[in-house]
């Protein structure tokens, strides 16, 4: 089993303000650019459906959010969504994109809106797939309870907590509210998707809360009322943020709301048509990727002695097997201590998941 259906385009890496940014790119050479921004705590592979739909008309470029995927985190304590927007604009400079359409999903939608408010001359249009508009009580609760980091421990039990956390996120929103009204009733999530999300969580690890916290702190109603670029804001019926469309008290003249029901193909077609009506510019740098930087961002290590299961027990088996190997092969105390360090073992588990799912 692999998650290669989520692998799309050509991978690349550039430095933005001295920090590595990993991205994916596909579509028509010389076509107008669309930047696709994923939600948290995922990576550019998560927007594979939108990217493939857009690639017939555009050059689609999707960066990993700083601190997620293989991109370095921002060097800012507790950044705001405006900090991610400034980073996005600097990324456009690195890619040679003077003006682009922006597609954003959840966290990415907030970043896209902030970029359009900050530099409307750089954004031809916005297509926002789920825009969060939190109440004051929700914001306080999410900031206090949503982002939990599970530090590696000697027995690997943190991996079981991470798997349970990811499974809970598929059942409830917020994940910690086990109430009927919080139940999402989503269709069964394929194992390849669950493994991809696990890969992204393990890769980001302690850096994943920062983009989330920026989204929780932001006022989603601040933007749709004053944005000056053509904007489409929609949501699927099963999306917990679909109810947030009703929380927008005022809309600028160029903003349209859409309720897409269960028709995902129709939703993507609406996104493509909206962005195609207001095209941006082509990237002036067709291949700016730094090959050496890209090669050094991750070191997947393929292992054939594990297979996923529905309850996450495979993670504990993988941890135990790696730990047993260290114990059996260490040549001295220093090697034993280094090999049994929980962070070192966590990195090896992450590498094995990366190799199985692809980067």
Protein backbone atom coordinates (compact mmCIF):
# COMPACT_ATOMS: atom_id res chain seq x y z
CA UNK A 1 0.00 0.00 0.00
CA UNK A 2 1.21 3.50 -0.76
CA UNK A 3 -0.19 7.00 -0.80
CA UNK A 4 1.07 7.81 -4.26
CA UNK A 5 -2.35 9.09 -5.34
CA UNK A 6 -1.44 12.07 -3.17
CA UNK A 7 1.90 12.56 -4.90
CA UNK A 8 1.59 15.10 -7.68
CA UNK A 9 3.74 17.34 -9.80
CA UNK A 10 7.44 18.00 -9.50
CA UNK A 11 8.99 18.66 -6.10
CA UNK A 12 11.26 21.62 -5.51
CA UNK A 13 12.89 23.66 -2.76
CA UNK A 14 14.03 27.25 -2.43
CA UNK A 15 15.23 29.46 0.39
CA UNK A 16 12.93 32.25 1.53
CA UNK A 17 14.52 34.69 3.96
CA UNK A 18 17.24 32.10 4.47
CA UNK A 19 14.85 29.27 5.41
CA UNK A 20 13.98 26.20 3.35
CA UNK A 21 10.60 25.95 1.61
CA UNK A 22 9.53 22.70 -0.01
CA UNK A 23 6.89 22.85 -2.75
CA UNK A 24 5.16 20.96 -5.54
CA UNK A 25 4.54 22.26 -9.04
CA UNK A 26 2.57 21.07 -12.06
CA UNK A 27 0.54 22.37 -15.00
CA UNK A 28 1.06 24.26 -18.22
CA UNK A 29 4.48 25.89 -18.76
CA UNK A 30 4.04 29.63 -19.17
CA UNK A 31 0.44 29.55 -17.90
CA UNK A 32 -0.78 31.97 -15.22
CA UNK A 33 0.28 30.91 -11.75
CA UNK A 34 -2.07 29.70 -9.02
CA UNK A 35 -0.67 29.14 -5.54
CA UNK A 36 -2.44 26.34 -3.62
CA UNK A 37 -2.24 26.56 0.17
CA UNK A 38 -2.98 23.48 2.27
CA UNK A 39 -4.58 23.20 5.69
CA UNK A 40 -2.88 22.18 8.92
CA UNK A 41 -1.15 20.00 9.97
CA UNK A 42 -0.60 18.73 6.44
CA UNK A 43 1.61 19.45 3.44
CA UNK A 44 1.31 20.36 -0.24
CA UNK A 45 0.37 16.78 -1.12
CA UNK A 46 -2.96 17.36 0.67
CA UNK A 47 -4.21 19.67 -2.11
CA UNK A 48 -3.72 17.01 -4.79
CA UNK A 49 -7.36 17.10 -5.97
CA UNK A 50 -7.42 20.87 -6.39
CA UNK A 51 -3.98 20.90 -8.00
CA UNK A 52 -4.96 18.35 -10.63
CA UNK A 53 -8.18 20.22 -11.42
CA UNK A 54 -6.31 23.52 -11.76
CA UNK A 55 -3.37 22.12 -13.73
CA UNK A 56 -5.35 22.01 -16.99
CA UNK A 57 -5.52 25.83 -17.00
CA UNK A 58 -2.68 27.03 -14.78
CA UNK A 59 0.80 26.49 -13.50
CA UNK A 60 -0.03 25.27 -9.98
CA UNK A 61 2.52 25.78 -7.21
CA UNK A 62 1.88 24.54 -3.68
CA UNK A 63 4.35 25.25 -0.86
CA UNK A 64 4.48 23.40 2.42
CA UNK A 65 3.45 25.84 5.14
CA UNK A 66 6.44 26.92 7.25
CA UNK A 67 6.81 24.34 10.01
CA UNK A 68 4.68 21.77 8.16
CA UNK A 69 5.75 19.26 5.54
CA UNK A 70 9.44 19.73 4.75
CA UNK A 71 9.49 23.53 5.10
CA UNK A 72 11.40 25.13 7.96
CA UNK A 73 9.31 26.92 10.60
CA UNK A 74 9.20 30.70 10.77
CA UNK A 75 11.80 32.26 13.03
CA UNK A 76 9.06 34.13 14.90
CA UNK A 77 7.63 33.26 18.32
CA UNK A 78 3.89 32.52 18.08
CA UNK A 79 3.42 33.97 14.56
CA UNK A 80 0.16 35.50 13.31
CA UNK A 81 -1.53 34.82 9.98
CA UNK A 82 0.01 38.07 8.66
CA UNK A 83 3.47 36.57 9.25
CA UNK A 84 2.54 33.58 7.08
CA UNK A 85 1.13 35.98 4.46
CA UNK A 86 4.41 37.93 4.36
CA UNK A 87 6.28 34.66 3.97
CA UNK A 88 3.94 33.69 1.10
CA UNK A 89 4.65 36.97 -0.71
CA UNK A 90 8.39 36.39 -0.29
CA UNK A 91 7.90 32.87 -1.70
CA UNK A 92 6.22 34.41 -4.77
CA UNK A 93 9.33 36.56 -5.21
CA UNK A 94 11.56 33.48 -5.02
CA UNK A 95 9.46 31.76 -7.70
CA UNK A 96 9.37 34.87 -9.91
CA UNK A 97 5.58 35.25 -9.63
CA UNK A 98 4.52 38.89 -9.79
CA UNK A 99 0.78 38.23 -9.47
CA UNK A 100 -1.10 34.98 -8.85
CA UNK A 101 -4.46 33.49 -8.06
CA UNK A 102 -4.63 31.95 -4.59
CA UNK A 103 -6.49 28.78 -3.59
CA UNK A 104 -6.57 28.13 0.15
CA UNK A 105 -8.01 25.32 2.23
CA UNK A 106 -8.85 26.05 5.90
CA UNK A 107 -5.58 27.38 7.41
CA UNK A 108 -4.41 28.16 3.90
CA UNK A 109 -7.59 30.15 3.26
CA UNK A 110 -6.77 32.47 6.15
CA UNK A 111 -3.23 32.99 4.87
CA UNK A 112 -4.53 33.70 1.37
CA UNK A 113 -6.99 36.30 2.67
CA UNK A 114 -4.26 37.99 4.72
CA UNK A 115 -1.98 38.15 1.66
CA UNK A 116 -4.75 39.70 -0.46
CA UNK A 117 -5.37 42.35 2.18
CA UNK A 118 -1.67 43.04 2.57
CA UNK A 119 -0.71 43.18 -1.11
CA UNK A 120 -3.79 43.17 -3.42
CA UNK A 121 -1.59 44.05 -6.39
CA UNK A 122 0.04 40.59 -6.03
CA UNK A 123 -3.24 38.62 -5.96
CA UNK A 124 -5.49 38.30 -9.02
CA UNK A 125 -8.27 36.37 -7.24
CA UNK A 126 -9.03 34.30 -4.14
CA UNK A 127 -10.76 30.91 -3.96
CA UNK A 128 -11.19 29.96 -0.31
CA UNK A 129 -12.27 26.41 0.54
CA UNK A 130 -13.50 26.69 4.14
CA UNK A 131 -12.78 30.00 5.90
CA UNK A 132 -12.80 29.92 9.70
CA UNK A 133 -14.78 32.60 11.56
CA UNK A 134 -14.40 31.77 15.26
CA UNK A 135 -16.47 33.11 18.10
CA UNK A 136 -14.55 34.55 21.04
CA UNK A 137 -15.38 31.49 23.15
CA UNK A 138 -14.32 29.07 20.40
CA UNK A 139 -11.07 30.93 19.88
CA UNK A 140 -10.15 30.77 23.56
CA UNK A 141 -11.06 27.07 23.77
CA UNK A 142 -9.13 26.10 20.64
CA UNK A 143 -6.04 28.02 21.69
CA UNK A 144 -6.12 26.34 25.08
CA UNK A 145 -6.90 22.75 24.05
CA UNK A 146 -6.49 21.96 20.36
CA UNK A 147 -2.73 21.78 19.78
CA UNK A 148 -1.17 19.01 21.84
CA UNK A 149 2.42 17.93 21.23
CA UNK A 150 3.41 14.39 22.21
CA UNK A 151 7.17 14.33 23.00
CA UNK A 152 8.94 11.05 22.16
CA UNK A 153 9.29 8.70 25.12
CA UNK A 154 11.43 5.62 25.61
CA UNK A 155 8.67 3.03 25.01
CA UNK A 156 7.17 4.70 21.91
CA UNK A 157 3.77 5.12 23.55
CA UNK A 158 3.59 8.69 22.24
CA UNK A 159 3.04 7.15 18.79
CA UNK A 160 -0.18 5.50 19.98
CA UNK A 161 -1.33 8.88 21.28
CA UNK A 162 -0.56 10.53 17.94
CA UNK A 163 -2.46 7.85 16.00
CA UNK A 164 -5.45 8.16 18.37
CA UNK A 165 -5.33 11.95 18.01
CA UNK A 166 -5.42 11.73 14.22
CA UNK A 167 -8.28 9.23 14.33
CA UNK A 168 -10.24 11.47 16.71
CA UNK A 169 -9.82 14.35 14.27
CA UNK A 170 -11.66 12.27 11.66
CA UNK A 171 -14.58 11.70 14.02
CA UNK A 172 -15.15 14.97 15.91
CA UNK A 173 -14.56 18.68 15.57
CA UNK A 174 -12.92 19.80 17.73
CA UNK A 175 -11.24 16.43 18.15
CA UNK A 176 -11.52 16.51 21.95
CA UNK A 177 -15.30 17.14 22.03
CA UNK A 178 -16.87 13.68 22.06
CA UNK A 179 -20.43 15.00 21.81
CA UNK A 180 -23.10 14.09 19.27
CA UNK A 181 -23.25 17.65 17.97
CA UNK A 182 -19.48 17.56 17.40
CA UNK A 183 -19.62 14.30 15.42
CA UNK A 184 -18.73 14.81 11.75
CA UNK A 185 -20.14 11.61 10.17
CA UNK A 186 -17.44 11.55 7.49
CA UNK A 187 -17.14 8.60 5.10
CA UNK A 188 -14.46 6.03 5.92
CA UNK A 189 -11.05 7.56 5.31
CA UNK A 190 -8.78 5.37 3.14
CA UNK A 191 -5.68 4.02 4.85
CA UNK A 192 -3.41 5.78 2.35
CA UNK A 193 -4.89 9.12 3.41
CA UNK A 194 -4.47 8.28 7.09
CA UNK A 195 -0.84 7.31 6.49
CA UNK A 196 -0.20 10.55 4.61
CA UNK A 197 -1.62 12.55 7.50
CA UNK A 198 0.47 10.52 9.92
CA UNK A 199 3.56 11.25 7.82
CA UNK A 200 2.83 14.97 7.86
CA UNK A 201 2.20 14.98 11.62
CA UNK A 202 5.41 13.05 12.39
CA UNK A 203 7.45 15.22 10.03
CA UNK A 204 6.19 18.51 11.47
CA UNK A 205 6.00 17.21 15.05
CA UNK A 206 6.62 20.00 17.58
CA UNK A 207 6.35 22.69 14.88
CA UNK A 208 2.75 21.88 13.85
CA UNK A 209 0.94 24.10 16.41
CA UNK A 210 2.24 27.44 15.09
CA UNK A 211 0.17 27.62 11.85
CA UNK A 212 -2.87 26.33 13.75
CA UNK A 213 -2.50 28.96 16.46
CA UNK A 214 -2.18 31.68 13.84
CA UNK A 215 -5.49 30.51 12.32
CA UNK A 216 -7.19 30.34 15.73
CA UNK A 217 -6.03 33.85 16.67
CA UNK A 218 -7.21 35.38 13.38
CA UNK A 219 -10.57 37.09 12.97
CA UNK A 220 -12.07 35.42 9.91
CA UNK A 221 -14.72 38.12 9.51
CA UNK A 222 -11.89 40.64 9.06
CA UNK A 223 -11.23 40.48 5.31
CA UNK A 224 -14.36 39.40 3.44
CA UNK A 225 -15.86 42.79 4.32
CA UNK A 226 -13.03 44.79 2.74
CA UNK A 227 -11.00 42.62 0.36
CA UNK A 228 -10.60 44.26 -3.05
CA UNK A 229 -9.76 41.25 -5.24
CA UNK A 230 -12.45 38.94 -6.71
CA UNK A 231 -13.15 36.37 -4.00
CA UNK A 232 -15.04 33.08 -3.86
CA UNK A 233 -15.64 31.62 -0.39
CA UNK A 234 -17.21 28.17 -0.28
CA UNK A 235 -17.44 25.01 1.76
CA UNK A 236 -18.56 21.42 1.43
CA UNK A 237 -21.60 20.39 3.48
CA UNK A 238 -19.52 17.92 5.52
CA UNK A 239 -16.92 20.59 6.33
CA UNK A 240 -17.27 21.85 9.95
CA UNK A 241 -16.52 25.32 8.58
CA UNK A 242 -19.58 25.29 6.32
CA UNK A 243 -21.58 26.78 9.20
CA UNK A 244 -19.08 29.65 9.34
CA UNK A 245 -20.40 31.05 6.06
CA UNK A 246 -23.37 32.31 8.08
CA UNK A 247 -21.02 34.16 10.43
CA UNK A 248 -19.87 36.69 7.83
CA UNK A 249 -21.87 39.83 8.67
CA UNK A 250 -20.74 41.90 5.69
CA UNK A 251 -19.17 41.20 2.32
CA UNK A 252 -17.26 43.43 -0.05
CA UNK A 253 -18.78 43.86 -3.51
CA UNK A 254 -16.41 41.37 -5.14
CA UNK A 255 -17.06 38.51 -2.69
CA UNK A 256 -19.34 35.55 -3.46
CA UNK A 257 -20.36 32.75 -1.09
CA UNK A 258 -20.98 29.18 -2.27
CA UNK A 259 -22.41 26.09 -0.58
CA UNK A 260 -21.16 23.08 -2.49
CA UNK A 261 -23.16 20.33 -0.79
CA UNK A 262 -21.57 16.93 -1.45
CA UNK A 263 -20.50 17.67 -5.04
CA UNK A 264 -16.71 17.83 -4.76
CA UNK A 265 -16.19 17.77 -8.52
CA UNK A 266 -18.60 20.68 -8.89
CA UNK A 267 -16.81 22.58 -6.14
CA UNK A 268 -13.45 22.19 -7.84
CA UNK A 269 -14.95 23.22 -11.17
CA UNK A 270 -16.29 26.38 -9.53
CA UNK A 271 -12.83 27.12 -8.11
CA UNK A 272 -11.20 26.66 -11.52
CA UNK A 273 -13.75 28.84 -13.31
CA UNK A 274 -13.45 31.60 -10.72
CA UNK A 275 -9.65 31.74 -10.86
CA UNK A 276 -9.66 31.43 -14.67
CA UNK A 277 -11.87 34.52 -14.92
CA UNK A 278 -9.16 36.56 -13.16
CA UNK A 279 -5.80 35.10 -14.22
CA UNK A 280 -2.53 36.22 -12.72
CA UNK A 281 0.91 36.23 -14.36
CA UNK A 282 3.20 33.41 -15.38
CA UNK A 283 6.22 32.63 -13.24
CA UNK A 284 9.32 34.25 -14.68
CA UNK A 285 11.59 31.56 -13.16
CA UNK A 286 10.61 28.20 -14.67
CA UNK A 287 12.88 26.09 -12.45
CA UNK A 288 14.32 27.91 -9.43
CA UNK A 289 14.61 24.80 -7.27
CA UNK A 290 17.86 24.20 -5.39
CA UNK A 291 18.60 20.50 -5.99
CA UNK A 292 21.08 20.21 -3.14
CA UNK A 293 18.64 21.84 -0.72
CA UNK A 294 15.83 19.53 -1.85
CA UNK A 295 17.98 16.43 -1.42
CA UNK A 296 18.87 17.41 2.14
CA UNK A 297 15.35 18.06 3.43
CA UNK A 298 14.55 14.44 4.32
CA UNK A 299 16.19 11.02 4.32
CA UNK A 300 13.45 8.38 3.96
CA UNK A 301 14.56 4.88 4.94
CA UNK A 302 12.50 2.10 3.37
CA UNK A 303 11.66 -0.90 5.56
CA UNK A 304 9.62 -3.89 4.41
CA UNK A 305 8.93 -5.41 7.84
CA UNK A 306 5.76 -3.50 8.72
CA UNK A 307 2.27 -2.95 7.40
CA UNK A 308 -0.41 -0.52 8.59
CA UNK A 309 -3.43 -1.56 10.60
CA UNK A 310 -6.61 0.23 11.62
CA UNK A 311 -5.69 0.58 15.30
CA UNK A 312 -2.15 1.96 14.94
CA UNK A 313 -0.41 -1.01 16.54
CA UNK A 314 2.04 -1.08 13.64
CA UNK A 315 3.69 2.04 15.04
CA UNK A 316 4.53 0.34 18.33
CA UNK A 317 5.85 -2.71 16.45
CA UNK A 318 8.02 -0.50 14.27
CA UNK A 319 9.34 1.31 17.35
CA UNK A 320 10.09 -1.99 19.12
CA UNK A 321 11.86 -3.44 16.07
CA UNK A 322 14.05 -0.34 15.71
CA UNK A 323 14.83 -0.34 19.43
CA UNK A 324 15.73 -4.05 19.36
CA UNK A 325 18.08 -3.44 16.42
CA UNK A 326 19.91 -0.73 18.35
CA UNK A 327 20.28 -2.97 21.39
CA UNK A 328 21.56 -5.87 19.29
CA UNK A 329 24.04 -3.94 17.16
CA UNK A 330 25.45 -1.15 19.36
CA UNK A 331 29.25 -1.49 19.62
CA UNK A 332 29.75 0.72 22.65
CA UNK A 333 27.82 2.61 25.29
CA UNK A 334 27.86 5.86 23.34
CA UNK A 335 26.26 4.17 20.32
CA UNK A 336 23.67 2.49 22.55
CA UNK A 337 22.76 5.75 24.26
CA UNK A 338 22.53 7.62 20.95
CA UNK A 339 20.48 4.90 19.28
CA UNK A 340 18.00 4.59 22.14
CA UNK A 341 17.41 8.31 22.42
CA UNK A 342 13.64 8.68 21.91
CA UNK A 343 14.08 11.56 19.48
CA UNK A 344 16.48 9.49 17.36
CA UNK A 345 14.05 6.57 17.29
CA UNK A 346 11.20 8.95 16.47
CA UNK A 347 13.20 10.28 13.51
CA UNK A 348 13.75 6.72 12.25
CA UNK A 349 10.03 5.90 12.50
CA UNK A 350 9.28 9.12 10.63
CA UNK A 351 11.79 8.17 7.91
CA UNK A 352 10.14 4.77 7.50
CA UNK A 353 6.67 6.34 7.13
CA UNK A 354 8.05 8.89 4.67
CA UNK A 355 9.60 6.15 2.56
CA UNK A 356 6.34 4.17 2.50
CA UNK A 357 4.09 7.10 1.61
CA UNK A 358 6.46 9.19 -0.50
CA UNK A 359 7.35 12.80 0.14
